[in-house]
């Protein structure tokens, strides 16, 4: 289940955040078309990269929150639940046995 969710997250982030090389190609194309000046290209590229990182962070947070909601709805034992049960079992094992 974790693997499936991990693949979904990776796919979502891959669709939102393009690689730096793709961003550079986009900016170069805008310069060639005359839509931005060569002098502005570095600034535009930096803005695109920054926005991409911000979007990635926001998407990552939203996915984590949604996953937590889904896992809670499944009512699965948490790590803390299992640790509590293990401590209780250890305490019971330490008690003298009745014979």
PDB file of N, CA and C in Angstrom:
ATOM      1  N   UNK A   1       0.827  -1.194   0.000  1.00  0.00           N
ATOM      2  CA  UNK A   1       0.000   0.000   0.000  1.00  0.00           C
ATOM      3  C   UNK A   1       0.868   1.255   0.000  1.00  0.00           C
ATOM      4  N   UNK A   2       1.947   1.226   0.817  1.00  0.00           N
ATOM      5  CA  UNK A   2       2.844   2.370   0.858  1.00  0.00           C
ATOM      6  C   UNK A   2       3.475   2.603  -0.508  1.00  0.00           C
ATOM      7  N   UNK A   3       3.832   1.502  -1.187  1.00  0.00           N
ATOM      8  CA  UNK A   3       4.473   1.609  -2.491  1.00  0.00           C
ATOM      9  C   UNK A   3       3.551   2.289  -3.497  1.00  0.00           C
ATOM     10  N   UNK A   4       2.288   1.922  -3.478  1.00  0.00           N
ATOM     11  CA  UNK A   4       1.317   2.519  -4.392  1.00  0.00           C
ATOM     12  C   UNK A   4       1.173   4.008  -4.107  1.00  0.00           C
ATOM     13  N   UNK A   5       1.067   4.365  -2.819  1.00  0.00           N
ATOM     14  CA  UNK A   5       0.932   5.779  -2.462  1.00  0.00           C
ATOM     15  C   UNK A   5       2.191   6.544  -2.840  1.00  0.00           C
ATOM     16  N   UNK A   6       3.354   5.919  -2.633  1.00  0.00           N
ATOM     17  CA  UNK A   6       4.614   6.565  -2.986  1.00  0.00           C
ATOM     18  C   UNK A   6       4.710   6.841  -4.469  1.00  0.00           C
ATOM     19  N   UNK A   7       4.260   5.878  -5.277  1.00  0.00           N
ATOM     20  CA  UNK A   7       4.276   6.074  -6.727  1.00  0.00           C
ATOM     21  C   UNK A   7       3.318   7.193  -7.125  1.00  0.00           C
ATOM     22  N   UNK A   8       2.178   7.260  -6.463  1.00  0.00           N
ATOM     23  CA  UNK A   8       1.215   8.323  -6.748  1.00  0.00           C
ATOM     24  C   UNK A   8       1.782   9.688  -6.424  1.00  0.00           C
ATOM     25  N   UNK A   9       2.479   9.777  -5.301  1.00  0.00           N
ATOM     26  CA  UNK A   9       3.096  11.046  -4.912  1.00  0.00           C
ATOM     27  C   UNK A   9       4.157  11.439  -5.932  1.00  0.00           C
ATOM     28  N   UNK A  10       5.004  10.485  -6.291  1.00  0.00           N
ATOM     29  CA  UNK A  10       6.068  10.772  -7.255  1.00  0.00           C
ATOM     30  C   UNK A  10       5.490  11.226  -8.592  1.00  0.00           C
ATOM     31  N   UNK A  11       4.430  10.580  -9.028  1.00  0.00           N
ATOM     32  CA  UNK A  11       3.797  10.956 -10.290  1.00  0.00           C
ATOM     33  C   UNK A  11       3.241  12.374 -10.199  1.00  0.00           C
ATOM     34  N   UNK A  12       2.550  12.669  -9.115  1.00  0.00           N
ATOM     35  CA  UNK A  12       1.973  14.003  -8.941  1.00  0.00           C
ATOM     36  C   UNK A  12       3.035  15.080  -8.914  1.00  0.00           C
ATOM     37  N   UNK A  13       4.107  14.836  -8.194  1.00  0.00           N
ATOM     38  CA  UNK A  13       5.173  15.829  -8.125  1.00  0.00           C
ATOM     39  C   UNK A  13       5.875  15.962  -9.469  1.00  0.00           C
ATOM     40  N   UNK A  14       6.018  14.867 -10.165  1.00  0.00           N
ATOM     41  CA  UNK A  14       6.650  14.908 -11.479  1.00  0.00           C
ATOM     42  C   UNK A  14       5.852  15.731 -12.467  1.00  0.00           C
ATOM     43  N   UNK A  15       4.536  15.681 -12.354  1.00  0.00           N
ATOM     44  CA  UNK A  15       3.695  16.455 -13.258  1.00  0.00           C
ATOM     45  C   UNK A  15       3.728  17.938 -12.937  1.00  0.00           C
ATOM     46  N   UNK A  16       3.900  18.274 -11.675  1.00  0.00           N
ATOM     47  CA  UNK A  16       3.855  19.672 -11.260  1.00  0.00           C
ATOM     48  C   UNK A  16       5.197  20.370 -11.443  1.00  0.00           C
ATOM     49  N   UNK A  17       6.263  19.679 -11.108  1.00  0.00           N
ATOM     50  CA  UNK A  17       7.574  20.317 -11.103  1.00  0.00           C
ATOM     51  C   UNK A  17       8.408  19.793 -12.267  1.00  0.00           C
ATOM     52  N   UNK A  18       8.692  20.674 -13.197  1.00  0.00           N
ATOM     53  CA  UNK A  18       9.536  20.283 -14.328  1.00  0.00           C
ATOM     54  C   UNK A  18      10.998  20.401 -13.920  1.00  0.00           C
ATOM     55  N   UNK A  19      11.838  19.706 -14.648  1.00  0.00           N
ATOM     56  CA  UNK A  19      13.265  19.763 -14.349  1.00  0.00           C
ATOM     57  C   UNK A  19      13.830  21.134 -14.717  1.00  0.00           C
ATOM     58  N   UNK A  20      14.952  21.429 -14.138  1.00  0.00           N
ATOM     59  CA  UNK A  20      15.606  22.712 -14.405  1.00  0.00           C
ATOM     60  C   UNK A  20      15.920  22.846 -15.895  1.00  0.00           C
ATOM     61  N   UNK A  21      16.328  21.743 -16.512  1.00  0.00           N
ATOM     62  CA  UNK A  21      16.657  21.781 -17.935  1.00  0.00           C
ATOM     63  C   UNK A  21      15.430  22.148 -18.771  1.00  0.00           C
ATOM     64  N   UNK A  22      14.278  21.611 -18.407  1.00  0.00           N
ATOM     65  CA  UNK A  22      13.050  21.927 -19.134  1.00  0.00           C
ATOM     66  C   UNK A  22      12.669  23.393 -18.941  1.00  0.00           C
ATOM     67  N   UNK A  23      12.867  23.890 -17.731  1.00  0.00           N
ATOM     68  CA  UNK A  23      12.575  25.299 -17.461  1.00  0.00           C
ATOM     69  C   UNK A  23      13.502  26.199 -18.276  1.00  0.00           C
ATOM     70  N   UNK A  24      14.794  25.819 -18.332  1.00  0.00           N
ATOM     71  CA  UNK A  24      15.750  26.606 -19.111  1.00  0.00           C
ATOM     72  C   UNK A  24      15.352  26.622 -20.587  1.00  0.00           C
ATOM     73  N   UNK A  25      14.925  25.474 -21.097  1.00  0.00           N
ATOM     74  CA  UNK A  25      14.502  25.396 -22.498  1.00  0.00           C
ATOM     75  C   UNK A  25      13.288  26.292 -22.742  1.00  0.00           C
ATOM     76  N   UNK A  26      12.368  26.307 -21.794  1.00  0.00           N
ATOM     77  CA  UNK A  26      11.185  27.158 -21.915  1.00  0.00           C
ATOM     78  C   UNK A  26      11.575  28.633 -21.957  1.00  0.00           C
ATOM     79  N   UNK A  27      12.463  29.037 -21.058  1.00  0.00           N
ATOM     80  CA  UNK A  27      12.905  30.431 -21.011  1.00  0.00           C
ATOM     81  C   UNK A  27      13.655  30.784 -22.295  1.00  0.00           C
ATOM     82  N   UNK A  28      14.515  29.891 -22.764  1.00  0.00           N
ATOM     83  CA  UNK A  28      15.234  30.139 -24.024  1.00  0.00           C
ATOM     84  C   UNK A  28      14.257  30.334 -25.181  1.00  0.00           C
ATOM     85  N   UNK A  29      13.212  29.540 -25.206  1.00  0.00           N
ATOM     86  CA  UNK A  29      12.200  29.657 -26.258  1.00  0.00           C
ATOM     87  C   UNK A  29      11.487  31.009 -26.178  1.00  0.00           C
ATOM     88  N   UNK A  30      11.202  31.454 -24.959  1.00  0.00           N
ATOM     89  CA  UNK A  30      10.564  32.763 -24.782  1.00  0.00           C
ATOM     90  C   UNK A  30      11.473  33.887 -25.269  1.00  0.00           C
ATOM     91  N   UNK A  31      12.783  33.735 -25.035  1.00  0.00           N
ATOM     92  CA  UNK A  31      13.746  34.735 -25.508  1.00  0.00           C
ATOM     93  C   UNK A  31      13.766  34.738 -27.035  1.00  0.00           C
ATOM     94  N   UNK A  32      13.811  33.553 -27.633  1.00  0.00           N
ATOM     95  CA  UNK A  32      13.838  33.451 -29.101  1.00  0.00           C
ATOM     96  C   UNK A  32      12.597  34.077 -29.734  1.00  0.00           C
ATOM     97  N   UNK A  33      11.458  33.892 -29.088  1.00  0.00           N
ATOM     98  CA  UNK A  33      10.202  34.444 -29.616  1.00  0.00           C
ATOM     99  C   UNK A  33      10.076  35.942 -29.349  1.00  0.00           C
ATOM    100  N   UNK A  34      10.986  36.464 -28.531  1.00  0.00           N
ATOM    101  CA  UNK A  34      10.951  37.886 -28.228  1.00  0.00           C
ATOM    102  C   UNK A  34       9.958  38.249 -27.141  1.00  0.00           C
ATOM    103  N   UNK A  35       9.457  37.248 -26.435  1.00  0.00           N
ATOM    104  CA  UNK A  35       8.473  37.524 -25.380  1.00  0.00           C
ATOM    105  C   UNK A  35       9.125  38.048 -24.108  1.00  0.00           C
ATOM    106  N   UNK A  36      10.394  37.687 -23.906  1.00  0.00           N
ATOM    107  CA  UNK A  36      11.168  38.270 -22.802  1.00  0.00           C
ATOM    108  C   UNK A  36      12.552  38.631 -23.337  1.00  0.00           C
ATOM    109  N   UNK A  37      13.197  39.572 -22.658  1.00  0.00           N
ATOM    110  CA  UNK A  37      14.538  39.994 -23.065  1.00  0.00           C
ATOM    111  C   UNK A  37      15.568  39.026 -22.494  1.00  0.00           C
ATOM    112  N   UNK A  38      16.679  38.907 -23.188  1.00  0.00           N
ATOM    113  CA  UNK A  38      17.766  38.026 -22.747  1.00  0.00           C
ATOM    114  C   UNK A  38      18.210  38.397 -21.333  1.00  0.00           C
ATOM    115  N   UNK A  39      18.250  39.707 -21.052  1.00  0.00           N
ATOM    116  CA  UNK A  39      18.685  40.177 -19.734  1.00  0.00           C
ATOM    117  C   UNK A  39      17.732  39.723 -18.624  1.00  0.00           C
ATOM    118  N   UNK A  40      16.480  39.508 -18.969  1.00  0.00           N
ATOM    119  CA  UNK A  40      15.475  39.095 -17.980  1.00  0.00           C
ATOM    120  C   UNK A  40      15.421  37.580 -17.795  1.00  0.00           C
ATOM    121  N   UNK A  41      16.081  36.842 -18.683  1.00  0.00           N
ATOM    122  CA  UNK A  41      15.914  35.386 -18.696  1.00  0.00           C
ATOM    123  C   UNK A  41      16.321  34.709 -17.391  1.00  0.00           C
ATOM    124  N   UNK A  42      17.434  35.152 -16.785  1.00  0.00           N
ATOM    125  CA  UNK A  42      17.861  34.531 -15.521  1.00  0.00           C
ATOM    126  C   UNK A  42      16.851  34.786 -14.409  1.00  0.00           C
ATOM    127  N   UNK A  43      16.335  36.005 -14.372  1.00  0.00           N
ATOM    128  CA  UNK A  43      15.342  36.345 -13.346  1.00  0.00           C
ATOM    129  C   UNK A  43      14.064  35.525 -13.537  1.00  0.00           C
ATOM    130  N   UNK A  44      13.621  35.410 -14.788  1.00  0.00           N
ATOM    131  CA  UNK A  44      12.417  34.624 -15.082  1.00  0.00           C
ATOM    132  C   UNK A  44      12.646  33.160 -14.715  1.00  0.00           C
ATOM    133  N   UNK A  45      13.820  32.626 -15.072  1.00  0.00           N
ATOM    134  CA  UNK A  45      14.140  31.234 -14.747  1.00  0.00           C
ATOM    135  C   UNK A  45      14.127  31.015 -13.239  1.00  0.00           C
ATOM    136  N   UNK A  46      14.753  31.920 -12.501  1.00  0.00           N
ATOM    137  CA  UNK A  46      14.781  31.793 -11.039  1.00  0.00           C
ATOM    138  C   UNK A  46      13.373  31.841 -10.448  1.00  0.00           C
ATOM    139  N   UNK A  47      12.537  32.724 -10.985  1.00  0.00           N
ATOM    140  CA  UNK A  47      11.154  32.802 -10.508  1.00  0.00           C
ATOM    141  C   UNK A  47      10.403  31.505 -10.789  1.00  0.00           C
ATOM    142  N   UNK A  48      10.591  30.960 -11.997  1.00  0.00           N
ATOM    143  CA  UNK A  48       9.926  29.699 -12.342  1.00  0.00           C
ATOM    144  C   UNK A  48      10.376  28.566 -11.423  1.00  0.00           C
ATOM    145  N   UNK A  49      11.681  28.494 -11.175  1.00  0.00           N
ATOM    146  CA  UNK A  49      12.205  27.442 -10.299  1.00  0.00           C
ATOM    147  C   UNK A  49      11.682  27.600  -8.875  1.00  0.00           C
ATOM    148  N   UNK A  50      11.643  28.847  -8.400  1.00  0.00           N
ATOM    149  CA  UNK A  50      11.140  29.103  -7.051  1.00  0.00           C
ATOM    150  C   UNK A  50       9.664  28.726  -6.943  1.00  0.00           C
ATOM    151  N   UNK A  51       8.872  29.134  -7.929  1.00  0.00           N
ATOM    152  CA  UNK A  51       7.443  28.796  -7.919  1.00  0.00           C
ATOM    153  C   UNK A  51       7.252  27.286  -7.982  1.00  0.00           C
ATOM    154  N   UNK A  52       8.088  26.613  -8.772  1.00  0.00           N
ATOM    155  CA  UNK A  52       8.009  25.158  -8.864  1.00  0.00           C
ATOM    156  C   UNK A  52       8.273  24.499  -7.521  1.00  0.00           C
ATOM    157  N   UNK A  53       9.282  24.983  -6.807  1.00  0.00           N
ATOM    158  CA  UNK A  53       9.599  24.436  -5.482  1.00  0.00           C
ATOM    159  C   UNK A  53       8.474  24.712  -4.489  1.00  0.00           C
ATOM    160  N   UNK A  54       7.917  25.925  -4.549  1.00  0.00           N
ATOM    161  CA  UNK A  54       6.807  26.262  -3.653  1.00  0.00           C
ATOM    162  C   UNK A  54       5.609  25.362  -3.929  1.00  0.00           C
ATOM    163  N   UNK A  55       5.310  25.163  -5.203  1.00  0.00           N
ATOM    164  CA  UNK A  55       4.185  24.309  -5.577  1.00  0.00           C
ATOM    165  C   UNK A  55       4.431  22.884  -5.129  1.00  0.00           C
ATOM    166  N   UNK A  56       5.662  22.419  -5.301  1.00  0.00           N
ATOM    167  CA  UNK A  56       6.025  21.060  -4.874  1.00  0.00           C
ATOM    168  C   UNK A  56       5.826  20.908  -3.369  1.00  0.00           C
ATOM    169  N   UNK A  57       6.281  21.884  -2.607  1.00  0.00           N
ATOM    170  CA  UNK A  57       6.141  21.827  -1.148  1.00  0.00           C
ATOM    171  C   UNK A  57       4.673  21.837  -0.729  1.00  0.00           C
ATOM    172  N   UNK A  58       3.885  22.692  -1.370  1.00  0.00           N
ATOM    173  CA  UNK A  58       2.457  22.759  -1.044  1.00  0.00           C
ATOM    174  C   UNK A  58       1.756  21.450  -1.388  1.00  0.00           C
ATOM    175  N   UNK A  59       2.064  20.904  -2.551  1.00  0.00           N
ATOM    176  CA  UNK A  59       1.450  19.647  -2.972  1.00  0.00           C
ATOM    177  C   UNK A  59       1.858  18.515  -2.043  1.00  0.00           C
ATOM    178  N   UNK A  60       3.128  18.486  -1.679  1.00  0.00           N
ATOM    179  CA  UNK A  60       3.627  17.458  -0.770  1.00  0.00           C
ATOM    180  C   UNK A  60       2.887  17.517   0.562  1.00  0.00           C
ATOM    181  N   UNK A  61       2.693  18.716   1.095  1.00  0.00           N
ATOM    182  CA  UNK A  61       1.978  18.883   2.361  1.00  0.00           C
ATOM    183  C   UNK A  61       0.526  18.438   2.238  1.00  0.00           C
ATOM    184  N   UNK A  62      -0.126  18.812   1.139  1.00  0.00           N
ATOM    185  CA  UNK A  62      -1.523  18.416   0.935  1.00  0.00           C
ATOM    186  C   UNK A  62      -1.650  16.900   0.831  1.00  0.00           C
ATOM    187  N   UNK A  63      -0.718  16.268   0.139  1.00  0.00           N
ATOM    188  CA  UNK A  63      -0.759  14.812  -0.009  1.00  0.00           C
ATOM    189  C   UNK A  63      -0.553  14.141   1.342  1.00  0.00           C
ATOM    190  N   UNK A  64       0.408  14.631   2.125  1.00  0.00           N
ATOM    191  CA  UNK A  64       0.654  14.054   3.453  1.00  0.00           C
ATOM    192  C   UNK A  64      -0.589  14.173   4.334  1.00  0.00           C
ATOM    193  N   UNK A  65      -1.224  15.337   4.313  1.00  0.00           N
ATOM    194  CA  UNK A  65      -2.428  15.533   5.122  1.00  0.00           C
ATOM    195  C   UNK A  65      -3.535  14.578   4.687  1.00  0.00           C
ATOM    196  N   UNK A  66      -3.724  14.444   3.387  1.00  0.00           N
ATOM    197  CA  UNK A  66      -4.774  13.551   2.876  1.00  0.00           C
ATOM    198  C   UNK A  66      -4.466  12.095   3.206  1.00  0.00           C
ATOM    199  N   UNK A  67      -3.193  11.715   3.113  1.00  0.00           N
ATOM    200  CA  UNK A  67      -2.809  10.340   3.448  1.00  0.00           C
ATOM    201  C   UNK A  67      -3.073  10.051   4.921  1.00  0.00           C
ATOM    202  N   UNK A  68      -2.769  11.020   5.784  1.00  0.00           N
ATOM    203  CA  UNK A  68      -3.028  10.836   7.211  1.00  0.00           C
ATOM    204  C   UNK A  68      -4.517  10.650   7.475  1.00  0.00           C
ATOM    205  N   UNK A  69      -5.343  11.426   6.793  1.00  0.00           N
ATOM    206  CA  UNK A  69      -6.796  11.287   6.941  1.00  0.00           C
ATOM    207  C   UNK A  69      -7.235   9.901   6.491  1.00  0.00           C
ATOM    208  N   UNK A  70      -6.735   9.473   5.330  1.00  0.00           N
ATOM    209  CA  UNK A  70      -7.116   8.158   4.804  1.00  0.00           C
ATOM    210  C   UNK A  70      -6.668   7.033   5.734  1.00  0.00           C
ATOM    211  N   UNK A  71      -5.448   7.125   6.247  1.00  0.00           N
ATOM    212  CA  UNK A  71      -4.951   6.085   7.147  1.00  0.00           C
ATOM    213  C   UNK A  71      -5.752   6.054   8.443  1.00  0.00           C
ATOM    214  N   UNK A  72      -6.129   7.221   8.952  1.00  0.00           N
ATOM    215  CA  UNK A  72      -6.955   7.261  10.161  1.00  0.00           C
ATOM    216  C   UNK A  72      -8.319   6.640   9.918  1.00  0.00           C
ATOM    217  N   UNK A  73      -8.869   6.861   8.727  1.00  0.00           N
ATOM    218  CA  UNK A  73     -10.174   6.287   8.397  1.00  0.00           C
ATOM    219  C   UNK A  73     -10.113   4.766   8.292  1.00  0.00           C
ATOM    220  N   UNK A  74      -8.942   4.223   7.962  1.00  0.00           N
ATOM    221  CA  UNK A  74      -8.784   2.770   7.884  1.00  0.00           C
ATOM    222  C   UNK A  74      -8.711   2.140   9.271  1.00  0.00           C
ATOM    223  N   UNK A  75      -8.496   2.974  10.282  1.00  0.00           N
ATOM    224  CA  UNK A  75      -8.458   2.524  11.670  1.00  0.00           C
ATOM    225  C   UNK A  75      -7.375   1.465  11.898  1.00  0.00           C
ATOM    226  N   UNK A  76      -6.201   1.684  11.329  1.00  0.00           N
ATOM    227  CA  UNK A  76      -5.075   0.779  11.500  1.00  0.00           C
ATOM    228  C   UNK A  76      -4.333   1.116  12.785  1.00  0.00           C
ATOM    229  N   UNK A  77      -3.669   0.115  13.344  1.00  0.00           N
ATOM    230  CA  UNK A  77      -2.859   0.344  14.536  1.00  0.00           C
ATOM    231  C   UNK A  77      -1.673   1.226  14.159  1.00  0.00           C
ATOM    232  N   UNK A  78      -1.417   2.222  14.993  1.00  0.00           N
ATOM    233  CA  UNK A  78      -0.282   3.104  14.754  1.00  0.00           C
ATOM    234  C   UNK A  78       0.959   2.521  15.411  1.00  0.00           C
ATOM    235  N   UNK A  79       2.089   3.105  15.109  1.00  0.00           N
ATOM    236  CA  UNK A  79       3.344   2.686  15.724  1.00  0.00           C
ATOM    237  C   UNK A  79       3.247   2.835  17.245  1.00  0.00           C
ATOM    238  N   UNK A  80       2.620   3.924  17.685  1.00  0.00           N
ATOM    239  CA  UNK A  80       2.462   4.166  19.119  1.00  0.00           C
ATOM    240  C   UNK A  80       1.564   3.100  19.755  1.00  0.00           C
ATOM    241  N   UNK A  81       0.500   2.702  19.056  1.00  0.00           N
ATOM    242  CA  UNK A  81      -0.385   1.646  19.560  1.00  0.00           C
ATOM    243  C   UNK A  81       0.394   0.351  19.770  1.00  0.00           C
ATOM    244  N   UNK A  82       1.197  -0.008  18.807  1.00  0.00           N
ATOM    245  CA  UNK A  82       1.966  -1.253  18.884  1.00  0.00           C
ATOM    246  C   UNK A  82       2.999  -1.173  19.999  1.00  0.00           C
ATOM    247  N   UNK A  83       3.659  -0.028  20.145  1.00  0.00           N
ATOM    248  CA  UNK A  83       4.643   0.137  21.218  1.00  0.00           C
ATOM    249  C   UNK A  83       3.977   0.035  22.589  1.00  0.00           C
ATOM    250  N   UNK A  84       2.787   0.619  22.720  1.00  0.00           N
ATOM    251  CA  UNK A  84       2.052   0.540  23.984  1.00  0.00           C
ATOM    252  C   UNK A  84       1.716  -0.914  24.311  1.00  0.00           C
ATOM    253  N   UNK A  85       1.264  -1.662  23.327  1.00  0.00           N
ATOM    254  CA  UNK A  85       0.924  -3.073  23.534  1.00  0.00           C
ATOM    255  C   UNK A  85       2.175  -3.873  23.888  1.00  0.00           C
ATOM    256  N   UNK A  86       3.294  -3.577  23.239  1.00  0.00           N
ATOM    257  CA  UNK A  86       4.545  -4.277  23.545  1.00  0.00           C
ATOM    258  C   UNK A  86       4.980  -4.013  24.983  1.00  0.00           C
ATOM    259  N   UNK A  87       4.863  -2.756  25.433  1.00  0.00           N
ATOM    260  CA  UNK A  87       5.224  -2.436  26.824  1.00  0.00           C
ATOM    261  C   UNK A  87       4.322  -3.187  27.795  1.00  0.00           C
ATOM    262  N   UNK A  88       3.052  -3.232  27.480  1.00  0.00           N
ATOM    263  CA  UNK A  88       2.096  -3.944  28.340  1.00  0.00           C
ATOM    264  C   UNK A  88       2.412  -5.441  28.373  1.00  0.00           C
ATOM    265  N   UNK A  89       2.735  -6.009  27.229  1.00  0.00           N
ATOM    266  CA  UNK A  89       3.086  -7.423  27.156  1.00  0.00           C
ATOM    267  C   UNK A  89       4.363  -7.698  27.941  1.00  0.00           C
ATOM    268  N   UNK A  90       5.358  -6.823  27.814  1.00  0.00           N
ATOM    269  CA  UNK A  90       6.597  -6.978  28.580  1.00  0.00           C
ATOM    270  C   UNK A  90       6.313  -6.958  30.079  1.00  0.00           C
ATOM    271  N   UNK A  91       5.451  -6.045  30.514  1.00  0.00           N
ATOM    272  CA  UNK A  91       5.104  -5.956  31.937  1.00  0.00           C
ATOM    273  C   UNK A  91       4.401  -7.227  32.395  1.00  0.00           C
ATOM    274  N   UNK A  92       3.512  -7.755  31.589  1.00  0.00           N
ATOM    275  CA  UNK A  92       2.811  -8.994  31.945  1.00  0.00           C
ATOM    276  C   UNK A  92       3.776 -10.174  32.016  1.00  0.00           C
ATOM    277  N   UNK A  93       4.745 -10.208  31.135  1.00  0.00           N
ATOM    278  CA  UNK A  93       5.725 -11.297  31.139  1.00  0.00           C
ATOM    279  C   UNK A  93       6.622 -11.236  32.369  1.00  0.00           C
ATOM    280  N   UNK A  94       6.805 -10.054  32.943  1.00  0.00           N
ATOM    281  CA  UNK A  94       7.649  -9.891  34.123  1.00  0.00           C
ATOM    282  C   UNK A  94       6.944 -10.309  35.409  1.00  0.00           C
ATOM    283  N   UNK A  95       5.634 -10.397  35.378  1.00  0.00           N
ATOM    284  CA  UNK A  95       4.881 -10.780  36.573  1.00  0.00           C
ATOM    285  C   UNK A  95       5.132 -12.253  36.881  1.00  0.00           C
ATOM    286  N   UNK A  96       5.157 -12.581  38.182  1.00  0.00           N
ATOM    287  CA  UNK A  96       5.355 -13.995  38.548  1.00  0.00           C
ATOM    288  C   UNK A  96       4.186 -14.844  38.035  1.00  0.00           C
ATOM    289  N   UNK A  97       4.534 -16.030  37.595  1.00  0.00           N
ATOM    290  CA  UNK A  97       3.517 -16.936  37.066  1.00  0.00           C
ATOM    291  C   UNK A  97       2.815 -17.653  38.210  1.00  0.00           C
ATOM    292  N   UNK A  98       1.525 -17.842  38.057  1.00  0.00           N
ATOM    293  CA  UNK A  98       0.749 -18.602  39.031  1.00  0.00           C
ATOM    294  C   UNK A  98       0.770 -20.063  38.612  1.00  0.00           C
ATOM    295  N   UNK A  99       1.135 -20.930  39.541  1.00  0.00           N
ATOM    296  CA  UNK A  99       1.170 -22.363  39.206  1.00  0.00           C
ATOM    297  C   UNK A  99       0.254 -23.149  40.074  1.00  0.00           C
TER     298      UNK A  99
END
